[in-house]
Amino acid sequence: MIFIWFISVCYNIYDKTIRGYYTMQSINHIYEVLNDDNNIITLRKKIINIDDYTVSENANGDIILQKIARIDIYDKKCITNHDFKNSEISYCSIDGADVEKLKYNSILNTIYKKINDGTTIIKHSVLNIKTIKKEDNGFYYIEGLGISIQRVDANKCIYEIITQCIENKINILMKIKLQNCKICNLYF
């Protein structure tokens, strides 16, 4: 029987996050049980990249490491196969420049400002856009472009981001942690 042991004091190892998962502060001592005979336990140090795992605790206090599935997306059609609601963007670059505010609407507005042409944005958009100043019913106005855009959920927003990038030849790279703990890497 193989067990993984954490040799450390648990409260120094992890902090509980809002979603109930654990983020590692430091795990330097992970051991795998090789042999448990005659009152002698043989352990082998196990080297892992902790960024590749989610960490949780079950009801009896055992700490569970679960390998994170990584999904690389290069095709716009594949975006609709995943649920981006309640996801977390951990990285984004637009035309090689890192984006600081990692929120869907902020990234979309950065792309719109890069396009800098309301007509071109409307031509390729999958969202509800008006050419008047409208700031009710979920709309917000972008002054320099003369358009009002209705806010949408993360799934529609990511689709609009990718659509605008493809149609306007803008390179974008995004790393997104989905609610199911899978990591989506988008390359467009």
Foldseek 3Di string as FASTA:
>chain_A
DKDKDQPDDVVQFWDADPLQWTDGPDGPFIWMFDDCPPNDTDTDGDDDDLVQWIWHADPVGDIDTDGAAEAEDEDLVCLVVDDAFPKWWPWKDKQRHTDDDGDLVVLLVVLCVVVQELVLLVVQAPFDKDQAQDDPPQWHADVSHSMITHDDGPSRSVSSSVSSCVSVVMWMWIWMQGPVRHIYIYTD
